[in-house]
Each structure stands twice: as structure tokens, then as C-alpha cells.
Protein backbone atom coordinates (compact mmCIF):
# COMPACT_ATOMS: atom_id res chain seq x y z
CA MET A 1 8.84 21.63 -28.16
CA ASN A 2 5.73 21.40 -30.29
CA ARG A 3 3.04 18.74 -30.01
CA ASP A 4 4.62 16.28 -32.45
CA GLU A 5 8.02 16.60 -30.82
CA ILE A 6 6.53 15.90 -27.39
CA ILE A 7 4.68 12.82 -28.66
CA GLU A 8 7.91 11.59 -30.24
CA ALA A 9 9.79 12.10 -26.97
CA LEU A 10 7.09 10.27 -25.00
CA SER A 11 7.40 7.31 -27.35
CA LYS A 12 10.79 6.58 -25.83
CA PRO A 13 11.28 4.86 -22.44
CA CYS A 14 11.71 6.99 -19.31
CA ALA A 15 10.60 10.25 -20.92
CA LYS A 16 10.42 13.15 -18.47
CA PRO A 17 7.05 13.58 -16.69
CA VAL A 18 6.99 17.29 -17.57
CA LEU A 19 6.39 16.23 -21.19
CA ALA A 20 3.16 14.50 -20.16
CA LYS A 21 2.02 17.63 -18.36
CA ARG A 22 2.81 19.81 -21.35
CA LEU A 23 1.01 17.49 -23.79
CA ILE A 24 -2.13 17.62 -21.64
CA GLU A 25 -1.97 21.41 -21.71
CA LEU A 26 -1.81 21.29 -25.50
CA ASP A 27 -4.12 18.38 -26.28
CA GLY A 28 -6.38 17.65 -23.28
CA ASP A 29 -7.94 14.18 -23.53
CA ASN A 30 -6.27 13.65 -26.89
CA ALA A 31 -3.01 13.29 -24.95
CA VAL A 32 -4.23 10.24 -23.06
CA PRO A 33 -3.08 7.48 -25.48
CA ALA A 34 0.46 8.86 -25.78
CA ILE A 35 0.85 9.23 -22.01
CA LEU A 36 -0.57 5.77 -21.29
CA ASN A 37 1.84 4.33 -23.81
CA SER A 38 4.68 6.19 -22.09
CA ILE A 39 3.64 4.75 -18.71
CA CYS A 40 3.63 1.21 -20.13
CA LEU A 41 7.04 1.78 -21.74
CA ASP A 42 8.42 2.82 -18.36
CA CYS A 43 6.97 -0.33 -16.81
CA ALA A 44 8.92 -2.34 -19.39
CA CYS A 45 12.06 -0.60 -18.09
CA GLU A 46 11.53 -1.88 -14.56
CA THR A 47 10.05 1.23 -13.02
CA ILE A 48 6.62 2.51 -12.03
CA PRO A 49 6.32 6.13 -13.27
CA ASN A 50 4.42 7.57 -10.32
CA GLU A 51 4.74 11.18 -11.39
CA LYS A 52 3.25 10.52 -14.81
CA ILE A 53 0.46 8.54 -13.17
CA GLN A 54 -0.34 11.47 -10.88
CA ILE A 55 -0.30 13.93 -13.78
CA LEU A 56 -2.66 11.82 -15.89
CA GLY A 57 -4.92 10.88 -12.98
CA SER A 58 -5.32 14.52 -11.96
CA GLN A 59 -7.34 15.07 -15.13
CA LYS A 60 -10.24 13.12 -13.53
CA SER A 61 -11.21 11.98 -16.99
CA LEU A 62 -13.59 9.15 -17.89
CA LEU A 63 -11.40 8.47 -20.92
CA VAL A 64 -8.47 7.82 -18.61
CA VAL A 65 -10.64 5.52 -16.47
CA ASP A 66 -11.91 3.54 -19.47
CA SER A 67 -8.41 3.31 -20.93
CA ALA A 68 -6.86 2.06 -17.69
CA ILE A 69 -9.58 -0.57 -17.28
CA GLY A 70 -9.05 -1.60 -20.89
CA ILE A 71 -5.32 -2.09 -20.33
CA LEU A 72 -5.96 -4.17 -17.21
CA ASP A 73 -8.49 -6.40 -18.92
CA GLU A 74 -6.27 -6.95 -21.94
CA LEU A 75 -3.17 -7.89 -19.96
CA ASN A 76 -1.99 -11.37 -20.91
CA TYR A 77 -0.20 -12.90 -17.98
CA GLU A 78 1.69 -15.49 -20.04
CA GLU A 79 2.96 -12.89 -22.51
CA SER A 80 3.71 -10.11 -20.03
CA VAL A 81 5.81 -11.81 -17.38
CA GLU A 82 9.54 -12.17 -17.63
CA GLU A 83 11.44 -15.37 -16.91
CA ASP A 84 11.29 -14.84 -13.13
CA ALA A 85 7.49 -14.72 -13.22
CA GLY A 86 7.09 -14.78 -9.44
CA ASP A 87 9.08 -11.59 -8.96
CA ILE A 88 7.06 -8.47 -8.16
CA ALA A 89 9.37 -6.60 -10.54
CA ASP A 90 7.88 -8.33 -13.59
CA GLU A 91 6.47 -6.09 -16.26
CA TYR A 92 3.02 -7.58 -15.82
CA TRP A 93 2.92 -6.58 -12.17
CA ARG A 94 4.30 -3.12 -12.84
CA ILE A 95 1.66 -2.35 -15.45
CA ARG A 96 -1.04 -3.73 -13.20
CA SER A 97 0.18 -1.65 -10.27
CA SER A 98 0.42 1.46 -12.45
CA MET A 99 -3.14 1.13 -13.75
CA THR A 100 -4.43 0.51 -10.23
CA LYS A 101 -2.72 3.68 -8.99
CA LEU A 102 -4.01 5.59 -12.00
CA LEU A 103 -7.63 4.60 -11.31
CA ALA A 104 -7.22 5.60 -7.67
CA GLU A 105 -5.78 8.96 -8.76
CA CYS A 106 -8.87 9.53 -10.90
CA GLY A 107 -10.90 9.53 -7.67
CA GLN A 108 -14.69 9.61 -7.65
CA VAL A 109 -14.80 9.79 -11.45
CA ALA A 110 -13.65 6.16 -11.46
CA LYS A 111 -16.06 4.90 -8.79
CA ALA A 112 -19.01 3.71 -10.88
CA LYS A 113 -16.83 2.13 -13.56
CA VAL A 114 -14.68 0.29 -11.01
CA LEU A 115 -17.76 -0.92 -9.11
CA ASP A 116 -18.96 -2.52 -12.33
CA GLN A 117 -15.64 -4.32 -12.67
CA LEU A 118 -16.30 -6.33 -9.51
CA GLU A 119 -18.32 -8.57 -11.83
CA THR A 120 -15.29 -9.30 -14.02
CA LYS A 121 -14.41 -12.92 -14.72
CA ASN A 122 -10.74 -11.96 -14.99
CA THR A 123 -9.50 -12.95 -11.55
CA GLU A 124 -5.97 -11.86 -12.48
CA VAL A 125 -7.03 -8.22 -12.13
CA LEU A 126 -10.03 -8.39 -9.78
CA HIS A 127 -7.86 -7.46 -6.81
CA CYS A 128 -6.81 -4.26 -8.62
CA TYR A 129 -10.39 -3.02 -8.62
CA ILE A 130 -10.85 -3.96 -4.96
CA SER A 131 -7.71 -1.99 -4.07
CA VAL A 132 -9.02 1.06 -5.95
CA LEU A 133 -12.33 0.89 -4.08
CA ALA A 134 -10.37 0.58 -0.82
CA SER A 135 -8.36 3.69 -1.71
CA LEU A 136 -11.56 5.59 -2.47
CA GLY A 137 -13.38 4.27 0.61
CA VAL A 138 -16.41 3.15 -1.42
CA GLU A 139 -18.93 1.80 1.09
CA GLU A 140 -21.36 0.66 -1.62
CA ALA A 141 -18.94 -2.12 -2.52
CA ASN A 142 -18.94 -3.67 0.95
CA SER A 143 -21.50 -6.44 0.44
CA LYS A 144 -20.03 -7.54 -2.90
CA ILE A 145 -16.46 -7.52 -1.57
CA CYS A 146 -17.52 -9.61 1.43
CA ASP A 147 -18.96 -12.15 -1.03
CA ILE A 148 -15.72 -12.08 -3.04
CA PHE A 149 -13.70 -12.54 0.15
CA ASN A 150 -15.73 -15.58 1.16
CA GLN A 151 -15.27 -17.07 -2.31
CA TYR A 152 -11.52 -16.47 -2.66
CA ARG A 153 -10.30 -16.54 0.94
CA ASP A 154 -7.17 -18.73 1.13
CA VAL A 155 -7.64 -19.50 -2.59
CA ASP A 156 -6.36 -16.42 -4.40
CA PHE A 157 -3.47 -14.64 -2.68
CA SER A 158 -3.92 -11.20 -4.30
CA ILE A 159 -7.71 -11.08 -3.95
CA HIS A 160 -7.45 -12.16 -0.33
CA LEU A 161 -4.97 -9.38 0.49
CA SER A 162 -6.91 -6.68 -1.36
CA CYS A 163 -10.08 -7.59 0.54
CA LEU A 164 -8.21 -7.15 3.84
CA GLU A 165 -7.05 -3.76 2.60
CA TYR A 166 -10.67 -2.84 1.86
CA PHE A 167 -11.86 -3.98 5.31
CA GLY A 168 -9.34 -1.60 6.87
CA SER A 169 -10.29 1.35 4.67
CA VAL A 170 -14.07 0.95 4.90
CA LYS A 171 -14.64 0.67 8.61
CA SER A 172 -17.54 -1.24 10.13
CA GLU A 173 -17.91 -3.65 13.02
CA SER A 174 -18.39 -6.59 10.65
CA ASN A 175 -15.26 -5.67 8.69
CA ARG A 176 -13.32 -5.29 11.92
CA GLU A 177 -14.41 -8.78 12.97
CA LEU A 178 -13.25 -10.19 9.64
CA LEU A 179 -9.80 -8.66 10.18
CA ILE A 180 -9.65 -10.03 13.72
CA SER A 181 -10.63 -13.49 12.49
CA GLU A 182 -7.57 -13.44 10.22
CA LEU A 183 -5.17 -12.77 13.09
CA THR A 184 -5.50 -16.23 14.57
CA ARG A 185 -5.94 -18.37 11.45
CA LYS A 186 -2.66 -20.22 11.07
CA GLU A 187 -1.11 -23.10 9.14
CA ARG A 188 -2.18 -21.80 5.74
CA ARG A 189 -0.09 -21.19 2.69
CA ASN A 190 0.99 -17.51 2.78
CA ASP A 191 -0.23 -17.36 6.38
CA GLY A 192 2.35 -14.73 7.35
CA TRP A 193 1.23 -12.35 4.60
CA PHE A 194 -2.46 -12.69 5.45
CA ARG A 195 -1.95 -12.14 9.16
CA ARG A 196 0.40 -9.23 8.55
CA MET A 197 -2.09 -7.50 6.23
CA ALA A 198 -4.96 -8.09 8.65
CA ALA A 199 -3.01 -6.63 11.57
CA ASN A 200 -1.81 -3.71 9.47
CA ASN A 201 -5.35 -2.80 8.48
CA LEU A 202 -6.78 -3.35 11.95
CA GLY A 203 -4.70 -0.31 12.86
CA HIS A 204 -7.30 1.85 11.09
CA TYR A 205 -9.67 1.05 13.97
CA SER A 206 -9.07 3.15 17.05
CA ASP A 207 -11.14 1.14 19.56
CA THR A 208 -9.50 -0.22 22.68
CA GLY A 209 -10.10 -3.84 21.70
CA SER A 210 -8.30 -3.55 18.37
CA ILE A 211 -5.36 -1.67 19.89
CA SER A 212 -5.06 -4.25 22.66
CA ARG A 213 -4.96 -7.12 20.16
CA LEU A 214 -2.22 -5.43 18.16
CA MET A 215 -0.19 -4.68 21.28
CA SER A 216 -0.32 -8.32 22.34
CA MET A 217 0.43 -9.60 18.86
CA CYS A 218 3.56 -7.51 18.30
CA ILE A 219 5.10 -8.92 21.50
CA GLU A 220 3.77 -12.45 21.76
CA ASP A 221 3.29 -13.81 18.24
CA SER A 222 5.88 -16.37 17.12
CA GLU A 223 5.71 -15.30 13.46
CA TRP A 224 7.83 -12.20 12.72
CA TYR A 225 5.67 -11.27 9.74
CA ALA A 226 2.66 -11.13 12.01
CA ARG A 227 4.57 -9.06 14.58
CA LEU A 228 5.61 -6.69 11.81
CA GLY A 229 1.98 -6.30 10.70
CA ALA A 230 0.96 -5.55 14.29
CA VAL A 231 3.58 -2.80 14.60
CA GLU A 232 2.53 -1.44 11.20
CA GLY A 233 -1.00 -1.33 12.57
CA LEU A 234 0.16 0.53 15.68
CA LYS A 235 1.82 3.14 13.43
CA LYS A 236 -1.71 4.23 12.54
CA VAL A 237 -2.73 4.62 16.19
CA ASN A 238 -2.48 8.00 17.93
CA ASP A 239 -2.83 6.62 21.44
CA LYS A 240 0.27 7.05 23.62
CA SER A 241 -0.60 3.86 25.49
CA VAL A 242 1.25 1.97 22.74
CA VAL A 243 4.62 3.62 23.46
CA LEU A 244 5.86 1.08 26.01
CA VAL A 245 4.95 -1.86 23.79
CA LEU A 246 6.69 -0.26 20.82
CA GLU A 247 9.76 0.27 22.99
CA ARG A 248 9.89 -3.49 23.61
CA CYS A 249 9.64 -4.11 19.87
CA LEU A 250 12.91 -2.24 19.26
CA ASN A 251 14.75 -5.36 20.41
CA ASP A 252 12.77 -7.80 18.26
CA GLU A 253 14.83 -10.62 16.77
CA ASN A 254 13.87 -9.37 13.31
CA TYR A 255 15.19 -5.92 12.53
CA ASN A 256 12.23 -5.06 10.28
CA VAL A 257 9.97 -5.10 13.33
CA GLY A 258 12.37 -2.85 15.23
CA VAL A 259 12.78 -0.37 12.37
CA THR A 260 9.00 -0.08 12.01
CA ALA A 261 8.68 0.39 15.77
CA VAL A 262 11.08 3.35 15.53
CA GLU A 263 8.88 4.87 12.82
CA ALA A 264 5.79 4.35 14.96
CA LEU A 265 7.43 5.89 18.04
CA SER A 266 8.82 8.89 16.20
CA LYS A 267 5.41 10.37 15.46
CA PHE A 268 4.67 10.86 19.18
CA LYS A 269 7.61 13.22 19.86
CA GLY A 270 8.13 14.50 23.41
CA LYS A 271 10.91 13.92 25.95
CA ARG A 272 9.79 10.40 26.79
CA VAL A 273 10.06 9.13 23.21
CA TYR A 274 13.28 11.08 22.66
CA LYS A 275 14.87 9.24 25.59
CA ILE A 276 13.64 5.85 24.29
CA LEU A 277 15.24 6.45 20.90
CA LYS A 278 18.41 7.87 22.43
CA ASP A 279 18.74 4.79 24.65
CA CYS A 280 18.12 2.64 21.58
CA VAL A 281 21.05 4.24 19.76
CA SER A 282 23.44 3.51 22.64
CA SER A 283 22.17 -0.04 23.28
CA GLN A 284 24.55 -2.96 22.77
CA SER A 285 21.77 -5.49 22.18
CA ILE A 286 19.71 -3.80 19.45
CA ASP A 287 20.31 -4.43 15.74
CA GLU A 288 22.44 -1.80 13.96
CA LYS A 289 19.73 -1.13 11.37
CA VAL A 290 17.28 -0.28 14.14
CA LYS A 291 19.84 1.93 15.89
CA ASN A 292 20.58 3.78 12.65
CA LYS A 293 16.87 4.42 12.13
CA ALA A 294 16.56 5.69 15.69
CA SER A 295 19.58 7.95 15.19
CA ASP A 296 17.99 9.44 12.09
CA GLY A 297 14.75 9.98 13.99
CA LEU A 298 16.41 11.91 16.84
CA SER A 299 17.14 14.84 14.54
CA ASN A 300 13.40 15.49 14.16
CA PHE A 301 12.87 16.28 17.85
CA SER A 302 12.67 19.84 19.10
CA PHE A 303 15.22 21.53 21.35
CA PHE A 304 12.81 21.26 24.30
CA ASP A 305 12.29 17.52 23.74
CA ARG A 306 16.05 17.07 23.99
CA MET A 307 16.28 18.81 27.37
CA LEU A 308 16.30 15.63 29.46
């Protein structure tokens, strides 16, 4: 296919990612508008075109960065959402997610431009820029993001969550304390989401105190969302002291907690974990979804691990 044929193909929904790659080879930065348009068309078809995003982001181009920021800032919430506006599948959310991923794929080339966007008055997309800075681990943003967190905490759901994501990615004692403070703040709207995200991101900290809090939370907390976040946090921990606690989580009343506990256990390998998962599969009291996950995980163990 020649250049014009590729551009024509990309103008149709769900065009193959290889076309984007080929157009970049032919046109360089001149290919950016056509590929961005193709990404947005895919978003209108209820999908996020991750492969195209990776291909375009790998160019590490300032034009891509400026274009993605431009699309975010021009998004009109009222015009972009479908009838079920609260559904994460809405076109608005897909485009927003795609541009956020694209900026993160651009890496350090995007850093300065995204830092500037922390001053935006468009609160509908502010959390996108915070998430990008979290992905890039940009420490220079810490003070500003703490200010944003204090301003929008419990007020804006998306900004609140993205700040917690940042506090997990950019590690400091003060950020750790902010995450811990979220674990016990209850009786708020969206409380389960906030506590889950805080626990999840506390898992980036490997200190004994953080691990101990997560271990207690995944067993004792009355909110299953919070327990799930604690187990998600423990998935990031490489300390075998968490194995026994994760074993107890297999029998959680909510299967999502148990399935995530299987995932967390599986990374440790060894005969001990193999036996835990094998016993899980044969248990009469554990949810079938958890047992199926454990059964799948058993196949990843070595011959020597299976020699019980």
C-alpha cells in the first residue's frame, strides 16, 4: 500500500495497527494526525487501541505530546458521553484514557509539557496529567500534587484517585503517610474506592510497617473493596512473610479477594505455595472462581516444586 492508501485505511474504524507503523516509516511526524484520528475512531467503537498507542508513543515526539494534550483539553464532556454517561465504557473516557496512555508512552519527552498542565483549569482532565506523572515517576511534581490533593480530596473522585496513584509511584515518607491516612478514613462517598487505591499503592513501599498494615487490613477490614486493595498491595511485596495471610484470603467471602490472593501467592513459587494452591483446588469451602484460578496457577510450578 502507498501512503494515500494507508491514510485512507486508517480513516476507517479499527484499522490494523501495522498500518500506523508503516505510515510512520513513510511520513515520520507527518503521520501523527492520521494515527491520532484512527485512535479516536477506535475509541468511538468501544475499544482502546493499545497497540496503536504504543506505536505512536514510541516516536517520543513533541508533536505527539502537544497533540495529545490538545485533544484532552478540547474534550467536551457533554458532547462526548453516550447515554449511560457514568459507564467507564463511554467514548469520552476511552479517549481520555488513550491520550493518558499515549503521553505516558512518550516518556521523558512529555515530562515538561505535562508538568505545565498541572496548572490547567480543566478539572475534567487534570487527573490524566497526574497519572502520567505517576507513570513517569516525576519527583518535581510532588509539592504541586500534594497541594492538588489537599484541594480536591473527597471532592473530585478522579483527581483523588490519581493523587493516590502518584503517592505510590513517587515514594517518600510524607507520601507514605498520606496513603496510610486514607486507609482509616471511612464514611465518605466512594470510600471503598479511595481505601482500595490507597492500600494498593502502599504496596510499593517495602517497609515492615506498610506490609504489616496491609496484612491486617486484608484479614480484618469489613469492606471487601478495602480488603481487595490490601491484597493488591501485597502482590507488589516480595517478602514471604505475607504467604500465610494470603492463604487466609483464599477463603474470603468475596471471590475477587481470593482470586487476587492466588495471583499474589503464585509469584513466590516453591513447594510451600504449591501445596497451598493444591489444597485450595480440592477445598469444599472456597469459591469456584478462586479454585479455578489456583488450578491454572499450578501449571506454572516446576517439577521439583510438585515433589511434595
